[in-house]
Amino acid sequence: MLKSMMFIDGSNLFHVLRSICVEKQDPSYKIDFEALTKVHQNLGESKLIRIYYFTSAPAIVPEPQQNFFHRLEFAGVRVILGELRDSPEGYREKGVDVNIACHALKLSSHYDECCLLTHDQDLIPVSAALQDLGKTVTLWSYRTKTPARLLRSVDRTINMVDYWDILRVT
């Protein structure tokens, strides 16, 4: 059986969830990561062997965010943190895209399919590099908000709206 890994851009996921909730008039911003694994299994021929969740956090992580990270880890999701820097425009994430790219490439010998959950066009070169290595790249997204260039850069897309009733925490 083919193997896959999922690389989630946490900030992008938050914005995807917010958009879906607005569209569905659903106040729940939470996703069930075990259900995400089940949806993945039902969609394809590959077994999801690992999920990585990339985000940023301040040097001192607030307790609610710590609790969220612990829940992810309890569900088997590996959390990788970048920096959260203060700037005149507000807080800015640093290192998240690079972490996703490095992990996806570094671990590519362990999977056949790379599942990216992002809307970030900065990951288009990573998609191309993985395809050059013979990997299938699947984009999990909220299709109406995903840049066309990113959609064209992957082998297939999965619109999370189609599975919202399964993915949402009730």
Protein backbone atom coordinates (compact mmCIF):
# COMPACT_ATOMS: atom_id res chain seq x y z
CA MET A 1 0.00 0.00 0.00
CA LEU A 2 1.20 3.51 -0.82
CA LYS A 3 2.11 5.78 2.09
CA SER A 4 1.41 9.47 2.56
CA MET A 5 2.27 12.25 4.97
CA MET A 6 0.31 15.43 5.58
CA PHE A 7 1.95 18.80 6.15
CA ILE A 8 -0.44 21.38 7.61
CA ASP A 9 0.15 25.12 7.59
CA GLY A 10 -1.58 25.92 10.89
CA SER A 11 -2.26 29.58 10.19
CA ASN A 12 -3.68 28.72 6.77
CA LEU A 13 -5.83 26.01 8.34
CA PHE A 14 -7.29 28.55 10.76
CA HIS A 15 -8.25 30.85 7.88
CA VAL A 16 -9.66 27.92 5.86
CA LEU A 17 -11.79 26.86 8.83
CA ARG A 18 -13.00 30.40 9.37
CA SER A 19 -14.04 30.68 5.69
CA ILE A 20 -15.83 27.33 5.77
CA CYS A 21 -17.64 28.28 8.97
CA VAL A 22 -18.83 31.53 7.42
CA GLU A 23 -20.03 29.71 4.30
CA LYS A 24 -21.76 26.97 6.28
CA GLN A 25 -23.00 29.36 8.99
CA ASP A 26 -21.33 27.08 11.51
CA PRO A 27 -19.77 28.56 14.66
CA SER A 28 -17.37 25.62 15.15
CA TYR A 29 -13.78 26.44 14.18
CA LYS A 30 -12.46 23.06 15.27
CA ILE A 31 -11.40 20.15 13.12
CA ASP A 32 -11.26 16.51 14.18
CA PHE A 33 -7.79 15.28 13.21
CA GLU A 34 -8.80 11.63 13.60
CA ALA A 35 -11.66 12.29 11.16
CA LEU A 36 -9.16 13.94 8.81
CA THR A 37 -7.19 10.69 8.81
CA LYS A 38 -10.36 8.68 8.09
CA VAL A 39 -11.41 10.96 5.23
CA HIS A 40 -7.93 10.62 3.75
CA GLN A 41 -8.09 6.82 4.01
CA ASN A 42 -11.49 6.73 2.28
CA LEU A 43 -10.34 8.97 -0.58
CA GLY A 44 -7.33 7.16 -1.87
CA GLU A 45 -5.06 4.24 -2.10
CA SER A 46 -2.50 5.50 0.41
CA LYS A 47 -2.18 5.12 4.13
CA LEU A 48 -1.64 8.34 6.07
CA ILE A 49 1.38 7.50 8.22
CA ARG A 50 2.06 10.89 9.80
CA ILE A 51 0.62 14.39 10.15
CA TYR A 52 2.80 17.43 10.82
CA TYR A 53 1.29 20.71 12.01
CA PHE A 54 3.41 23.81 11.39
CA THR A 55 2.72 27.10 13.09
CA SER A 56 4.42 29.81 15.06
CA ALA A 57 4.24 30.82 18.67
CA PRO A 58 5.69 33.51 20.91
CA ALA A 59 8.71 32.65 23.06
CA ILE A 60 6.36 32.11 26.00
CA VAL A 61 3.46 30.07 24.63
CA PRO A 62 0.09 31.03 26.17
CA GLU A 63 -1.67 28.23 28.06
CA PRO A 64 -4.63 27.87 25.63
CA GLN A 65 -2.18 27.44 22.74
CA GLN A 66 -0.10 24.97 24.78
CA ASN A 67 -3.28 22.98 25.47
CA PHE A 68 -4.12 22.96 21.75
CA PHE A 69 -0.62 21.69 20.89
CA HIS A 70 -0.94 18.96 23.54
CA ARG A 71 -4.30 17.86 22.07
CA LEU A 72 -2.70 17.66 18.61
CA GLU A 73 0.20 15.62 19.94
CA PHE A 74 -2.20 13.33 21.81
CA ALA A 75 -3.97 12.73 18.47
CA GLY A 76 -0.61 11.72 16.95
CA VAL A 77 0.06 15.01 15.16
CA ARG A 78 3.63 16.29 15.34
CA VAL A 79 3.81 20.02 16.05
CA ILE A 80 6.67 22.03 14.54
CA LEU A 81 7.01 25.64 15.71
CA GLY A 82 8.44 28.62 13.89
CA GLU A 83 8.90 32.06 15.37
CA LEU A 84 6.25 34.68 15.95
CA ARG A 85 7.81 38.13 15.66
CA ASP A 86 6.33 41.45 16.59
CA SER A 87 6.45 44.06 13.83
CA PRO A 88 4.88 47.49 13.23
CA GLU A 89 2.13 45.73 11.21
CA GLY A 90 1.46 43.23 14.01
CA TYR A 91 2.74 39.74 14.64
CA ARG A 92 4.38 37.90 11.71
CA GLU A 93 5.17 34.22 11.34
CA LYS A 94 8.75 33.37 10.46
CA GLY A 95 10.08 30.02 9.35
CA VAL A 96 6.80 28.16 8.87
CA ASP A 97 7.02 27.79 5.06
CA VAL A 98 10.70 26.85 5.25
CA ASN A 99 9.93 24.25 7.93
CA ILE A 100 7.19 22.74 5.77
CA ALA A 101 9.48 22.65 2.73
CA CYS A 102 12.42 21.16 4.64
CA HIS A 103 10.34 18.45 6.31
CA ALA A 104 8.46 17.54 3.12
CA LEU A 105 11.73 17.13 1.21
CA LYS A 106 13.72 15.56 4.04
CA LEU A 107 11.05 12.91 4.67
CA SER A 108 10.19 12.27 1.00
CA SER A 109 11.93 8.89 0.95
CA HIS A 110 9.37 7.68 3.52
CA TYR A 111 6.17 8.41 1.56
CA ASP A 112 4.60 8.24 -1.90
CA GLU A 113 2.07 11.05 -1.53
CA CYS A 114 2.59 14.48 0.03
CA CYS A 115 -0.62 16.06 1.30
CA LEU A 116 -0.31 19.82 1.74
CA LEU A 117 -2.95 21.71 3.67
CA THR A 118 -2.18 25.29 2.74
CA HIS A 119 -3.10 28.23 0.52
CA ASP A 120 0.45 29.54 0.42
CA GLN A 121 1.94 29.96 -3.05
CA ASP A 122 5.42 29.94 -1.48
CA LEU A 123 5.10 26.15 -1.44
CA ILE A 124 4.74 25.83 -5.23
CA PRO A 125 8.51 25.14 -5.67
CA VAL A 126 8.28 22.40 -3.02
CA SER A 127 5.39 20.84 -4.91
CA ALA A 128 7.45 20.88 -8.12
CA ALA A 129 10.51 19.41 -6.39
CA LEU A 130 8.46 16.58 -4.88
CA GLN A 131 6.87 15.83 -8.25
CA ASP A 132 10.37 15.73 -9.78
CA LEU A 133 11.17 13.08 -7.16
CA GLY A 134 8.18 11.04 -8.35
CA LYS A 135 5.86 11.96 -5.49
CA THR A 136 2.16 12.69 -5.86
CA VAL A 137 1.21 16.05 -4.34
CA THR A 138 -2.34 16.48 -3.07
CA LEU A 139 -3.61 19.85 -1.91
CA TRP A 140 -6.27 19.95 0.80
CA SER A 141 -7.92 23.34 0.59
CA TYR A 142 -10.93 25.56 0.57
CA ARG A 143 -11.04 25.72 -3.20
CA THR A 144 -12.74 29.10 -3.64
CA LYS A 145 -9.97 30.80 -1.64
CA THR A 146 -7.02 28.92 -3.13
CA PRO A 147 -4.79 30.73 -5.66
CA ALA A 148 -5.10 29.28 -9.18
CA ARG A 149 -1.29 28.93 -9.49
CA LEU A 150 -1.23 26.72 -6.40
CA LEU A 151 -4.12 24.60 -7.71
CA ARG A 152 -2.27 24.08 -11.00
CA SER A 153 0.95 23.09 -9.23
CA VAL A 154 -0.40 19.92 -7.60
CA ASP A 155 -1.55 16.53 -8.88
CA ARG A 156 -4.95 16.64 -7.22
CA THR A 157 -7.02 18.75 -4.86
CA ILE A 158 -9.44 17.92 -2.10
CA ASN A 159 -11.99 20.56 -1.21
CA MET A 160 -12.43 20.41 2.56
CA VAL A 161 -15.93 21.91 2.28
CA ASP A 162 -17.08 18.63 0.71
CA TYR A 163 -16.17 16.81 3.95
CA TRP A 164 -17.02 19.47 6.53
CA ASP A 165 -19.79 17.46 8.19
CA ILE A 166 -17.27 14.69 8.87
CA LEU A 167 -14.27 16.90 9.74
CA ARG A 168 -15.85 19.35 12.15
CA VAL A 169 -15.83 18.78 15.88
CA THR A 170 -19.42 18.64 17.09
